[in-house]
């Protein structure tokens, strides 16, 4: 189910290529856990033509566009904001 009034801004930092920016819709299925969230982001980066080979992707920065109630309802969003500060390091940075 697509979450109303919830979007996700993503900035992907790569070792060998330019940064990529995306604004994604969010549905409940990707909020199961951190792995499903990151898989969804990486899938969309690949669809956009990003170079995901050879550990090129080194950092993903997120900005959640949603209500405080949505943050409280979904542990994955809350953890992303409070524990990770929206930053995911995937390789040597």
N, C-alpha and C. Protein backbone atom coordinates (compact mmCIF):
# COMPACT_ATOMS: atom_id res chain seq x y z
N UNK A 1 0.83 -1.17 0.00
CA UNK A 1 0.00 0.00 0.00
C UNK A 1 0.89 1.25 0.00
N UNK A 2 0.63 2.14 -0.94
CA UNK A 2 1.35 3.40 -1.05
C UNK A 2 0.97 4.31 0.11
N UNK A 3 1.98 4.88 0.78
CA UNK A 3 1.70 5.78 1.90
C UNK A 3 1.41 7.18 1.38
N UNK A 4 0.28 7.73 1.79
CA UNK A 4 -0.09 9.07 1.37
C UNK A 4 0.80 10.09 2.08
N UNK A 5 1.11 11.16 1.36
CA UNK A 5 1.88 12.27 1.91
C UNK A 5 3.24 11.85 2.47
N UNK A 6 3.81 10.80 1.88
CA UNK A 6 5.13 10.33 2.29
C UNK A 6 5.99 10.13 1.05
N UNK A 7 7.13 10.80 1.04
CA UNK A 7 8.09 10.69 -0.06
C UNK A 7 9.48 10.52 0.56
N UNK A 8 10.40 10.07 -0.25
CA UNK A 8 11.77 9.85 0.20
C UNK A 8 12.74 10.47 -0.79
N UNK A 9 13.51 11.47 -0.33
CA UNK A 9 14.59 12.03 -1.14
C UNK A 9 15.83 11.20 -0.89
N UNK A 10 16.52 10.85 -1.98
CA UNK A 10 17.71 10.01 -1.88
C UNK A 10 18.85 10.69 -2.63
N UNK A 11 19.99 10.80 -1.97
CA UNK A 11 21.22 11.22 -2.63
C UNK A 11 22.19 10.05 -2.52
N UNK A 12 22.62 9.55 -3.65
CA UNK A 12 23.55 8.41 -3.69
C UNK A 12 24.93 8.93 -4.08
N UNK A 13 25.91 8.58 -3.27
CA UNK A 13 27.30 8.99 -3.51
C UNK A 13 28.08 7.78 -4.01
N UNK A 14 28.80 7.99 -5.09
CA UNK A 14 29.56 6.91 -5.73
C UNK A 14 31.05 7.19 -5.70
N UNK A 15 31.83 6.14 -5.73
CA UNK A 15 33.28 6.26 -5.75
C UNK A 15 33.79 6.81 -7.09
N UNK A 16 33.22 6.32 -8.19
CA UNK A 16 33.78 6.64 -9.51
C UNK A 16 32.87 7.43 -10.43
N UNK A 17 31.69 7.78 -9.97
CA UNK A 17 30.74 8.50 -10.84
C UNK A 17 30.07 9.62 -10.05
N UNK A 18 29.32 10.45 -10.76
CA UNK A 18 28.64 11.58 -10.14
C UNK A 18 27.55 11.11 -9.18
N UNK A 19 27.19 11.98 -8.23
CA UNK A 19 26.08 11.69 -7.33
C UNK A 19 24.79 11.61 -8.12
N UNK A 20 23.85 10.83 -7.59
CA UNK A 20 22.52 10.70 -8.17
C UNK A 20 21.49 11.17 -7.15
N UNK A 21 20.42 11.81 -7.64
CA UNK A 21 19.33 12.25 -6.77
C UNK A 21 18.04 11.61 -7.26
N UNK A 22 17.22 11.17 -6.30
CA UNK A 22 15.91 10.60 -6.63
C UNK A 22 14.90 11.05 -5.58
N UNK A 23 13.66 11.15 -5.99
CA UNK A 23 12.55 11.35 -5.06
C UNK A 23 11.61 10.18 -5.30
N UNK A 24 11.42 9.35 -4.26
CA UNK A 24 10.69 8.10 -4.41
C UNK A 24 9.38 8.09 -3.63
N UNK A 25 8.41 7.41 -4.19
CA UNK A 25 7.19 7.09 -3.45
C UNK A 25 7.54 6.01 -2.43
N UNK A 26 6.75 5.93 -1.38
CA UNK A 26 7.02 4.97 -0.31
C UNK A 26 5.78 4.11 -0.09
N UNK A 27 5.99 2.79 -0.06
CA UNK A 27 4.88 1.91 0.30
C UNK A 27 5.27 1.06 1.50
N UNK A 28 4.29 0.50 2.15
CA UNK A 28 4.53 -0.24 3.39
C UNK A 28 5.49 -1.41 3.22
N UNK A 29 5.47 -2.06 2.07
CA UNK A 29 6.29 -3.26 1.88
C UNK A 29 7.79 -2.97 1.97
N UNK A 30 8.22 -1.78 1.61
CA UNK A 30 9.66 -1.48 1.69
C UNK A 30 10.08 -1.09 3.10
N UNK A 31 9.12 -0.91 3.99
CA UNK A 31 9.42 -0.49 5.36
C UNK A 31 9.47 -1.66 6.34
N UNK A 32 9.53 -2.87 5.78
CA UNK A 32 9.59 -4.07 6.63
C UNK A 32 10.82 -4.01 7.53
N UNK A 33 11.97 -3.62 6.94
CA UNK A 33 13.22 -3.49 7.70
C UNK A 33 14.22 -2.70 6.86
N UNK A 34 15.39 -2.48 7.42
CA UNK A 34 16.42 -1.70 6.74
C UNK A 34 16.84 -2.34 5.42
N UNK A 35 16.95 -3.66 5.38
CA UNK A 35 17.36 -4.35 4.15
C UNK A 35 16.37 -4.13 3.01
N UNK A 36 15.07 -4.22 3.30
CA UNK A 36 14.08 -4.03 2.23
C UNK A 36 14.10 -2.58 1.74
N UNK A 37 14.34 -1.64 2.65
CA UNK A 37 14.45 -0.24 2.26
C UNK A 37 15.64 -0.02 1.34
N UNK A 38 16.82 -0.52 1.73
CA UNK A 38 18.02 -0.34 0.91
C UNK A 38 17.92 -1.08 -0.42
N UNK A 39 17.31 -2.25 -0.43
CA UNK A 39 17.10 -2.98 -1.69
C UNK A 39 16.23 -2.17 -2.64
N UNK A 40 15.19 -1.56 -2.13
CA UNK A 40 14.28 -0.72 -2.93
C UNK A 40 15.04 0.47 -3.52
N UNK A 41 15.86 1.11 -2.70
CA UNK A 41 16.64 2.26 -3.18
C UNK A 41 17.64 1.82 -4.25
N UNK A 42 18.37 0.74 -4.00
CA UNK A 42 19.36 0.27 -4.98
C UNK A 42 18.68 -0.17 -6.27
N UNK A 43 17.53 -0.81 -6.19
CA UNK A 43 16.79 -1.19 -7.39
C UNK A 43 16.46 0.06 -8.22
N UNK A 44 15.95 1.09 -7.57
CA UNK A 44 15.58 2.32 -8.28
C UNK A 44 16.80 3.05 -8.84
N UNK A 45 17.91 2.99 -8.15
CA UNK A 45 19.14 3.57 -8.70
C UNK A 45 19.55 2.85 -9.98
N UNK A 46 19.45 1.52 -9.94
CA UNK A 46 19.77 0.73 -11.14
C UNK A 46 18.83 1.05 -12.29
N UNK A 47 17.56 1.23 -11.99
CA UNK A 47 16.58 1.58 -13.03
C UNK A 47 16.90 2.94 -13.64
N UNK A 48 17.50 3.81 -12.86
CA UNK A 48 17.86 5.15 -13.33
C UNK A 48 19.18 5.13 -14.10
N UNK A 49 19.85 3.98 -14.12
CA UNK A 49 21.09 3.84 -14.88
C UNK A 49 22.35 4.06 -14.07
N UNK A 50 22.24 4.09 -12.76
CA UNK A 50 23.42 4.28 -11.91
C UNK A 50 24.35 3.08 -12.01
N UNK A 51 25.64 3.36 -11.90
CA UNK A 51 26.67 2.31 -11.95
C UNK A 51 26.81 1.68 -10.57
N UNK A 52 26.25 0.50 -10.39
CA UNK A 52 26.27 -0.19 -9.10
C UNK A 52 27.33 -1.29 -9.05
N UNK A 53 28.21 -1.34 -10.04
CA UNK A 53 29.24 -2.39 -10.09
C UNK A 53 30.40 -2.10 -9.15
N UNK A 54 31.08 -3.14 -8.75
CA UNK A 54 32.37 -3.05 -8.04
C UNK A 54 32.36 -2.11 -6.85
N UNK A 55 31.37 -2.19 -6.03
CA UNK A 55 31.29 -1.36 -4.82
C UNK A 55 31.40 0.12 -5.12
N UNK A 56 30.88 0.54 -6.26
CA UNK A 56 30.92 1.96 -6.63
C UNK A 56 30.03 2.80 -5.71
N UNK A 57 28.89 2.25 -5.27
CA UNK A 57 27.99 2.97 -4.37
C UNK A 57 28.57 2.93 -2.96
N UNK A 58 28.88 4.10 -2.38
CA UNK A 58 29.52 4.10 -1.07
C UNK A 58 28.67 4.75 0.03
N UNK A 59 27.70 5.59 -0.35
CA UNK A 59 26.87 6.21 0.69
C UNK A 59 25.51 6.56 0.13
N UNK A 60 24.48 6.36 0.94
CA UNK A 60 23.13 6.78 0.61
C UNK A 60 22.67 7.72 1.71
N UNK A 61 22.22 8.91 1.32
CA UNK A 61 21.68 9.89 2.27
C UNK A 61 20.19 10.04 2.01
N UNK A 62 19.40 10.00 3.08
CA UNK A 62 17.95 10.04 2.96
C UNK A 62 17.37 11.24 3.67
N UNK A 63 16.30 11.76 3.10
CA UNK A 63 15.49 12.78 3.75
C UNK A 63 14.04 12.35 3.60
N UNK A 64 13.41 12.06 4.73
CA UNK A 64 12.02 11.60 4.74
C UNK A 64 11.08 12.80 4.73
N UNK A 65 10.10 12.78 3.84
CA UNK A 65 9.07 13.80 3.77
C UNK A 65 7.77 13.16 4.25
N UNK A 66 7.49 13.32 5.55
CA UNK A 66 6.30 12.69 6.12
C UNK A 66 5.95 13.36 7.45
N UNK A 67 4.81 12.99 7.97
CA UNK A 67 4.34 13.56 9.23
C UNK A 67 5.04 12.90 10.41
N UNK A 68 5.04 13.57 11.57
CA UNK A 68 5.58 12.94 12.78
C UNK A 68 4.84 11.64 13.13
N UNK A 69 3.55 11.58 12.82
CA UNK A 69 2.78 10.37 13.10
C UNK A 69 3.28 9.19 12.26
N UNK A 70 3.65 9.46 11.02
CA UNK A 70 4.20 8.41 10.15
C UNK A 70 5.54 7.93 10.68
N UNK A 71 6.37 8.84 11.15
CA UNK A 71 7.66 8.46 11.73
C UNK A 71 7.44 7.52 12.90
N UNK A 72 6.50 7.84 13.77
CA UNK A 72 6.24 7.02 14.95
C UNK A 72 5.63 5.66 14.59
N UNK A 73 4.86 5.62 13.52
CA UNK A 73 4.17 4.39 13.14
C UNK A 73 5.12 3.35 12.53
N UNK A 74 6.15 3.80 11.80
CA UNK A 74 7.02 2.87 11.06
C UNK A 74 8.43 2.88 11.65
N UNK A 75 8.80 1.76 12.26
CA UNK A 75 10.10 1.63 12.92
C UNK A 75 11.26 1.90 11.95
N UNK A 76 11.15 1.45 10.72
CA UNK A 76 12.23 1.64 9.75
C UNK A 76 12.48 3.12 9.49
N UNK A 77 11.43 3.91 9.38
CA UNK A 77 11.61 5.35 9.19
C UNK A 77 12.21 5.96 10.45
N UNK A 78 11.66 5.62 11.59
CA UNK A 78 12.14 6.18 12.86
C UNK A 78 13.61 5.84 13.07
N UNK A 79 14.00 4.60 12.85
CA UNK A 79 15.41 4.20 13.01
C UNK A 79 16.30 4.92 12.01
N UNK A 80 15.82 5.08 10.79
CA UNK A 80 16.59 5.77 9.76
C UNK A 80 16.92 7.20 10.21
N UNK A 81 15.96 7.86 10.81
CA UNK A 81 16.14 9.24 11.25
C UNK A 81 16.94 9.31 12.55
N UNK A 82 16.52 8.56 13.55
CA UNK A 82 17.10 8.70 14.88
C UNK A 82 18.42 7.96 15.08
N UNK A 83 18.56 6.78 14.49
CA UNK A 83 19.77 5.99 14.71
C UNK A 83 20.82 6.20 13.62
N UNK A 84 20.37 6.44 12.40
CA UNK A 84 21.29 6.55 11.27
C UNK A 84 21.46 7.98 10.77
N UNK A 85 20.66 8.90 11.26
CA UNK A 85 20.65 10.29 10.76
C UNK A 85 20.49 10.32 9.24
N UNK A 86 19.80 9.33 8.70
CA UNK A 86 19.55 9.26 7.28
C UNK A 86 20.76 8.91 6.43
N UNK A 87 21.83 8.42 7.05
CA UNK A 87 23.08 8.11 6.33
C UNK A 87 23.37 6.61 6.40
N UNK A 88 23.64 6.03 5.24
CA UNK A 88 24.00 4.62 5.15
C UNK A 88 25.31 4.51 4.39
N UNK A 89 26.36 4.02 5.06
CA UNK A 89 27.67 3.87 4.46
C UNK A 89 27.82 2.42 3.98
N UNK A 90 28.12 2.26 2.70
CA UNK A 90 28.10 0.92 2.10
C UNK A 90 29.48 0.40 1.74
N UNK A 91 30.48 1.21 1.85
CA UNK A 91 31.83 0.79 1.52
C UNK A 91 32.79 1.73 2.20
N UNK A 92 34.04 1.67 1.84
CA UNK A 92 35.00 2.62 2.40
C UNK A 92 34.67 4.00 1.89
N UNK A 93 34.52 4.91 2.82
CA UNK A 93 34.14 6.28 2.46
C UNK A 93 35.27 7.22 2.73
